[in-house]
C-alpha atoms as a PDB file:
ATOM      1  CA  MET A   1      54.406 107.338 131.349  1.00  0.00           C
ATOM      2  CA  GLU A   2      56.986 104.351 130.649  1.00  0.00           C
ATOM      3  CA  ASN A   3      55.757 101.933 128.075  1.00  0.00           C
ATOM      4  CA  THR A   4      55.176  98.306 129.855  1.00  0.00           C
ATOM      5  CA  GLN A   5      54.196  96.591 127.215  1.00  0.00           C
ATOM      6  CA  SER A   6      56.184  94.010 125.447  1.00  0.00           C
ATOM      7  CA  PRO A   7      57.187  94.089 122.059  1.00  0.00           C
ATOM      8  CA  VAL A   8      55.493  91.611 119.186  1.00  0.00           C
ATOM      9  CA  THR A   9      57.308  89.648 117.353  1.00  0.00           C
ATOM     10  CA  ILE A  10      55.938  88.962 113.630  1.00  0.00           C
ATOM     11  CA  ARG A  11      57.096  85.898 112.218  1.00  0.00           C
ATOM     12  CA  PRO A  12      56.360  82.677 110.115  1.00  0.00           C
ATOM     13  CA  GLU A  13      54.213  79.668 111.870  1.00  0.00           C
ATOM     14  CA  THR A  14      55.679  76.725 112.941  1.00  0.00           C
ATOM     15  CA  GLN A  15      54.731  73.205 113.524  1.00  0.00           C
ATOM     16  CA  ASN A  16      54.791  74.098 117.145  1.00  0.00           C
ATOM     17  CA  ASP A  17      51.828  76.666 116.226  1.00  0.00           C
ATOM     18  CA  ILE A  18      49.316  74.999 114.633  1.00  0.00           C
ATOM     19  CA  ARG A  19      47.523  74.184 117.866  1.00  0.00           C
ATOM     20  CA  ALA A  20      47.220  77.925 119.381  1.00  0.00           C
ATOM     21  CA  ILE A  21      46.670  79.134 115.695  1.00  0.00           C
ATOM     22  CA  ARG A  22      43.735  76.774 115.777  1.00  0.00           C
ATOM     23  CA  LYS A  23      42.455  77.773 119.507  1.00  0.00           C
ATOM     24  CA  LEU A  24      43.039  81.350 118.256  1.00  0.00           C
ATOM     25  CA  ASN A  25      40.699  81.042 115.668  1.00  0.00           C
ATOM     26  CA  LYS A  26      38.238  79.730 117.090  1.00  0.00           C
ATOM     27  CA  ARG A  27      38.298  82.443 119.836  1.00  0.00           C
ATOM     28  CA  ALA A  28      38.289  85.607 117.940  1.00  0.00           C
ATOM     29  CA  PHE A  29      35.806  83.952 115.265  1.00  0.00           C
ATOM     30  CA  LYS A  30      33.705  82.423 117.857  1.00  0.00           C
ATOM     31  CA  GLY A  31      33.281  79.295 116.333  1.00  0.00           C
ATOM     32  CA  ASN A  32      35.638  76.400 113.697  1.00  0.00           C
ATOM     33  CA  SER A  33      35.041  77.687 110.359  1.00  0.00           C
ATOM     34  CA  GLU A  34      38.125  79.666 110.272  1.00  0.00           C
ATOM     35  CA  SER A  35      40.571  77.170 112.327  1.00  0.00           C
ATOM     36  CA  LYS A  36      39.097  74.392 109.798  1.00  0.00           C
ATOM     37  CA  LEU A  37      40.332  76.715 106.729  1.00  0.00           C
ATOM     38  CA  VAL A  38      43.742  77.456 107.840  1.00  0.00           C
ATOM     39  CA  ASP A  39      43.967  73.283 108.633  1.00  0.00           C
ATOM     40  CA  ALA A  40      42.789  73.137 104.951  1.00  0.00           C
ATOM     41  CA  LEU A  41      44.362  75.364 103.590  1.00  0.00           C
ATOM     42  CA  ARG A  42      47.775  74.486 105.264  1.00  0.00           C
ATOM     43  CA  GLU A  43      47.132  70.501 104.324  1.00  0.00           C
ATOM     44  CA  SER A  44      46.837  71.723 100.584  1.00  0.00           C
ATOM     45  CA  ASP A  45      49.097  72.107  97.376  1.00  0.00           C
ATOM     46  CA  SER A  46      48.853  75.747  97.657  1.00  0.00           C
ATOM     47  CA  PHE A  47      49.889  76.605 101.774  1.00  0.00           C
ATOM     48  CA  ILE A  48      53.035  79.467 101.207  1.00  0.00           C
ATOM     49  CA  ALA A  49      54.029  78.725 104.875  1.00  0.00           C
ATOM     50  CA  ALA A  50      55.983  82.156 104.704  1.00  0.00           C
ATOM     51  CA  PHE A  51      52.599  83.375 103.997  1.00  0.00           C
ATOM     52  CA  SER A  52      51.447  82.261 107.466  1.00  0.00           C
ATOM     53  CA  LEU A  53      52.305  84.562 110.071  1.00  0.00           C
ATOM     54  CA  VAL A  54      51.676  84.344 113.998  1.00  0.00           C
ATOM     55  CA  ALA A  55      52.082  87.532 116.220  1.00  0.00           C
ATOM     56  CA  GLU A  56      53.740  86.125 119.582  1.00  0.00           C
ATOM     57  CA  LYS A  57      53.731  88.147 122.755  1.00  0.00           C
ATOM     58  CA  ASP A  58      55.737  86.693 126.191  1.00  0.00           C
ATOM     59  CA  GLY A  59      56.032  83.368 124.106  1.00  0.00           C
ATOM     60  CA  GLN A  60      51.787  83.450 123.168  1.00  0.00           C
ATOM     61  CA  VAL A  61      51.008  82.877 119.861  1.00  0.00           C
ATOM     62  CA  VAL A  62      48.440  86.399 120.061  1.00  0.00           C
ATOM     63  CA  GLY A  63      47.595  86.606 116.319  1.00  0.00           C
ATOM     64  CA  HIS A  64      47.841  85.132 112.474  1.00  0.00           C
ATOM     65  CA  ILE A  65      47.283  85.898 109.388  1.00  0.00           C
ATOM     66  CA  LEU A  66      47.504  83.362 106.382  1.00  0.00           C
ATOM     67  CA  PHE A  67      47.697  84.445 102.334  1.00  0.00           C
ATOM     68  CA  SER A  68      46.689  81.866  99.895  1.00  0.00           C
ATOM     69  CA  PRO A  69      47.472  81.884  96.004  1.00  0.00           C
ATOM     70  CA  VAL A  70      43.988  82.617  94.021  1.00  0.00           C
ATOM     71  CA  SER A  71      43.816  83.357  90.450  1.00  0.00           C
ATOM     72  CA  ILE A  72      41.932  86.309  88.319  1.00  0.00           C
ATOM     73  CA  LYS A  73      39.812  84.239  85.575  1.00  0.00           C
ATOM     74  CA  GLY A  74      39.972  87.385  83.340  1.00  0.00           C
ATOM     75  CA  LEU A  75      39.563  87.848  79.743  1.00  0.00           C
ATOM     76  CA  ASN A  76      43.136  87.813  79.111  1.00  0.00           C
ATOM     77  CA  GLY A  77      43.753  84.185  80.619  1.00  0.00           C
ATOM     78  CA  PRO A  78      44.289  83.979  84.840  1.00  0.00           C
ATOM     79  CA  ALA A  79      45.917  86.529  86.663  1.00  0.00           C
ATOM     80  CA  PRO A  80      47.889  85.194  90.288  1.00  0.00           C
ATOM     81  CA  ALA A  81      47.129  87.194  93.238  1.00  0.00           C
ATOM     82  CA  LEU A  82      46.292  86.108  96.674  1.00  0.00           C
ATOM     83  CA  ALA A  83      44.026  86.291  99.453  1.00  0.00           C
ATOM     84  CA  LEU A  84      44.357  87.364 102.756  1.00  0.00           C
ATOM     85  CA  ALA A  85      42.139  85.248 105.062  1.00  0.00           C
ATOM     86  CA  PRO A  86      41.911  84.942 107.518  1.00  0.00           C
ATOM     87  CA  MET A  87      43.262  87.397 110.079  1.00  0.00           C
ATOM     88  CA  ALA A  88      42.041  87.011 114.006  1.00  0.00           C
ATOM     89  CA  VAL A  89      43.613  88.336 116.753  1.00  0.00           C
ATOM     90  CA  LEU A  90      43.037  86.930 120.493  1.00  0.00           C
ATOM     91  CA  PRO A  91      40.143  89.051 121.765  1.00  0.00           C
ATOM     92  CA  GLU A  92      42.132  90.398 124.792  1.00  0.00           C
ATOM     93  CA  PHE A  93      44.822  91.346 122.762  1.00  0.00           C
ATOM     94  CA  GLN A  94      42.689  93.293 120.076  1.00  0.00           C
ATOM     95  CA  ASN A  95      42.749  96.797 119.714  1.00  0.00           C
ATOM     96  CA  GLN A  96      46.501  96.856 120.634  1.00  0.00           C
ATOM     97  CA  GLY A  97      48.185  97.293 116.850  1.00  0.00           C
ATOM     98  CA  ILE A  98      48.698  94.162 116.269  1.00  0.00           C
ATOM     99  CA  GLY A  99      46.594  93.135 113.338  1.00  0.00           C
ATOM    100  CA  THR A 100      47.766  96.203 111.863  1.00  0.00           C
ATOM    101  CA  ALA A 101      51.290  95.051 112.140  1.00  0.00           C
ATOM    102  CA  LEU A 102      50.338  91.353 110.915  1.00  0.00           C
ATOM    103  CA  VAL A 103      48.481  93.616 107.423  1.00  0.00           C
ATOM    104  CA  LYS A 104      51.480  95.328 107.049  1.00  0.00           C
ATOM    105  CA  ARG A 105      54.243  92.704 107.727  1.00  0.00           C
ATOM    106  CA  GLY A 106      52.547  89.954 105.519  1.00  0.00           C
ATOM    107  CA  LEU A 107      51.646  92.620 102.431  1.00  0.00           C
ATOM    108  CA  GLU A 108      55.174  93.191 102.901  1.00  0.00           C
ATOM    109  CA  GLU A 109      56.304  89.985 102.663  1.00  0.00           C
ATOM    110  CA  CYS A 110      53.797  89.082  99.761  1.00  0.00           C
ATOM    111  CA  GLY A 111      55.278  92.209  97.553  1.00  0.00           C
ATOM    112  CA  LYS A 112      59.052  91.252  98.142  1.00  0.00           C
ATOM    113  CA  ALA A 113      57.929  87.324  97.153  1.00  0.00           C
ATOM    114  CA  GLY A 114      57.038  89.223  93.839  1.00  0.00           C
ATOM    115  CA  HIS A 115      53.497  89.354  94.101  1.00  0.00           C
ATOM    116  CA  LYS A 116      51.322  91.905  93.039  1.00  0.00           C
ATOM    117  CA  ILE A 117      47.641  91.509  94.014  1.00  0.00           C
ATOM    118  CA  VAL A 118      45.944  91.097  97.004  1.00  0.00           C
ATOM    119  CA  VAL A 119      42.303  90.613  97.623  1.00  0.00           C
ATOM    120  CA  VAL A 120      40.337  90.129 101.171  1.00  0.00           C
ATOM    121  CA  VAL A 121      36.844  89.797 102.441  1.00  0.00           C
ATOM    122  CA  GLY A 122      36.495  92.145 105.802  1.00  0.00           C
ATOM    123  CA  HIS A 123      35.576  94.823 107.459  1.00  0.00           C
ATOM    124  CA  PRO A 124      35.050  97.827 104.823  1.00  0.00           C
ATOM    125  CA  GLU A 125      36.400  99.891 108.058  1.00  0.00           C
ATOM    126  CA  TYR A 126      39.476  98.027 108.304  1.00  0.00           C
ATOM    127  CA  TYR A 127      41.733  97.280 105.459  1.00  0.00           C
ATOM    128  CA  PRO A 128      41.173 100.810 103.417  1.00  0.00           C
ATOM    129  CA  ARG A 129      44.364 101.717 106.100  1.00  0.00           C
ATOM    130  CA  PHE A 130      46.746  99.496 104.119  1.00  0.00           C
ATOM    131  CA  GLY A 131      45.289 100.785 100.542  1.00  0.00           C
ATOM    132  CA  PHE A 132      42.353  98.485  99.752  1.00  0.00           C
ATOM    133  CA  VAL A 133      40.182  99.461  97.492  1.00  0.00           C
ATOM    134  CA  LYS A 134      36.568  98.074  96.533  1.00  0.00           C
ATOM    135  CA  ALA A 135      37.086  95.254  94.431  1.00  0.00           C
ATOM    136  CA  GLY A 136      34.347  95.429  92.287  1.00  0.00           C
ATOM    137  CA  GLU A 137      35.296  99.310  90.683  1.00  0.00           C
ATOM    138  CA  LYS A 138      38.065  97.586  89.675  1.00  0.00           C
ATOM    139  CA  GLY A 139      36.276  94.981  88.004  1.00  0.00           C
ATOM    140  CA  LEU A 140      36.614  91.972  90.201  1.00  0.00           C
ATOM    141  CA  LYS A 141      33.849  89.676  91.377  1.00  0.00           C
ATOM    142  CA  LEU A 142      33.798  86.932  93.958  1.00  0.00           C
ATOM    143  CA  PRO A 143      32.197  83.413  93.077  1.00  0.00           C
ATOM    144  CA  PHE A 144      29.820  83.797  96.000  1.00  0.00           C
ATOM    145  CA  GLU A 145      27.402  86.383  97.265  1.00  0.00           C
ATOM    146  CA  ALA A 146      28.911  89.609  99.585  1.00  0.00           C
ATOM    147  CA  PRO A 147      28.044  92.819 100.204  1.00  0.00           C
ATOM    148  CA  PRO A 148      30.151  94.669  97.849  1.00  0.00           C
ATOM    149  CA  GLU A 149      31.828  97.092 100.368  1.00  0.00           C
ATOM    150  CA  VAL A 150      33.805  93.760 102.097  1.00  0.00           C
ATOM    151  CA  PHE A 151      35.427  92.908  98.787  1.00  0.00           C
ATOM    152  CA  MET A 152      38.532  94.945  98.230  1.00  0.00           C
ATOM    153  CA  ALA A 153      41.450  94.527  96.209  1.00  0.00           C
ATOM    154  CA  LEU A 154      45.368  96.232  96.677  1.00  0.00           C
ATOM    155  CA  GLU A 155      47.572  96.632  94.438  1.00  0.00           C
ATOM    156  CA  LEU A 156      51.124  95.807  95.666  1.00  0.00           C
ATOM    157  CA  ALA A 157      52.509  97.389  92.259  1.00  0.00           C
ATOM    158  CA  PRO A 158      51.183  99.804  90.793  1.00  0.00           C
ATOM    159  CA  GLY A 159      48.956  99.407  87.850  1.00  0.00           C
ATOM    160  CA  ALA A 160      48.579  95.554  88.594  1.00  0.00           C
ATOM    161  CA  LEU A 161      44.767  95.379  88.321  1.00  0.00           C
ATOM    162  CA  ASN A 162      44.953  97.322  84.964  1.00  0.00           C
ATOM    163  CA  GLY A 163      43.099  94.136  82.432  1.00  0.00           C
ATOM    164  CA  ALA A 164      43.087  91.888  85.416  1.00  0.00           C
ATOM    165  CA  GLN A 165      39.396  92.040  85.369  1.00  0.00           C
ATOM    166  CA  GLY A 166      37.209  88.854  86.393  1.00  0.00           C
ATOM    167  CA  GLU A 167      35.626  86.219  88.942  1.00  0.00           C
ATOM    168  CA  ILE A 168      38.349  85.635  91.888  1.00  0.00           C
ATOM    169  CA  ILE A 169      39.176  81.435  91.552  1.00  0.00           C
ATOM    170  CA  TYR A 170      39.841  80.419  95.436  1.00  0.00           C
ATOM    171  CA  PRO A 171      41.187  77.195  96.316  1.00  0.00           C
ATOM    172  CA  PRO A 172      39.348  74.447  96.800  1.00  0.00           C
ATOM    173  CA  ALA A 173      39.712  74.020 100.314  1.00  0.00           C
ATOM    174  CA  PHE A 174      37.946  77.750 100.681  1.00  0.00           C
ATOM    175  CA  HIS A 175      34.984  76.002  99.501  1.00  0.00           C
ATOM    176  CA  GLU A 176      35.118  72.722 101.136  1.00  0.00           C
ATOM    177  CA  VAL A 177      34.957  74.252 104.616  1.00  0.00           C
ATOM    178  CA  THR A 178      31.321  75.332 106.456  1.00  0.00           C
END
């Protein structure tokens, strides 16, 4: 059987994508919190445009992922890390590998840029396929309540979490959006 599916392009967001990203997050998460978070992070000093990626299919933005700088407040001082949040795919395009492509490409770009640690609060059945493990078992803590199985971490460089235990310090935008 011939594959009639058009390819998906993963690329950094542009100014022209902002409205589509906002609408996609509202639809994927059935609410405004994630779209408000993306907007607040985009306007913050910590925003890294290269880490806000879209999945485009037939000229339509069908997925989005964002990585934002965070730090780990450890005994040896702060350690830099990135938070993956949010990641969304339009409902009618889910279960087609678009989210997987976004995560893989995003992690690749983060690693190329020299980042060593990524944390996520997300689905415990989904993120381990990329190498994420329970962050609590690595000595990491969240500044808010969440089930331990949804808080995960990934070392982009072997041993990056050695000695980097402590609480994750998120940018203010994460706390301001409800």
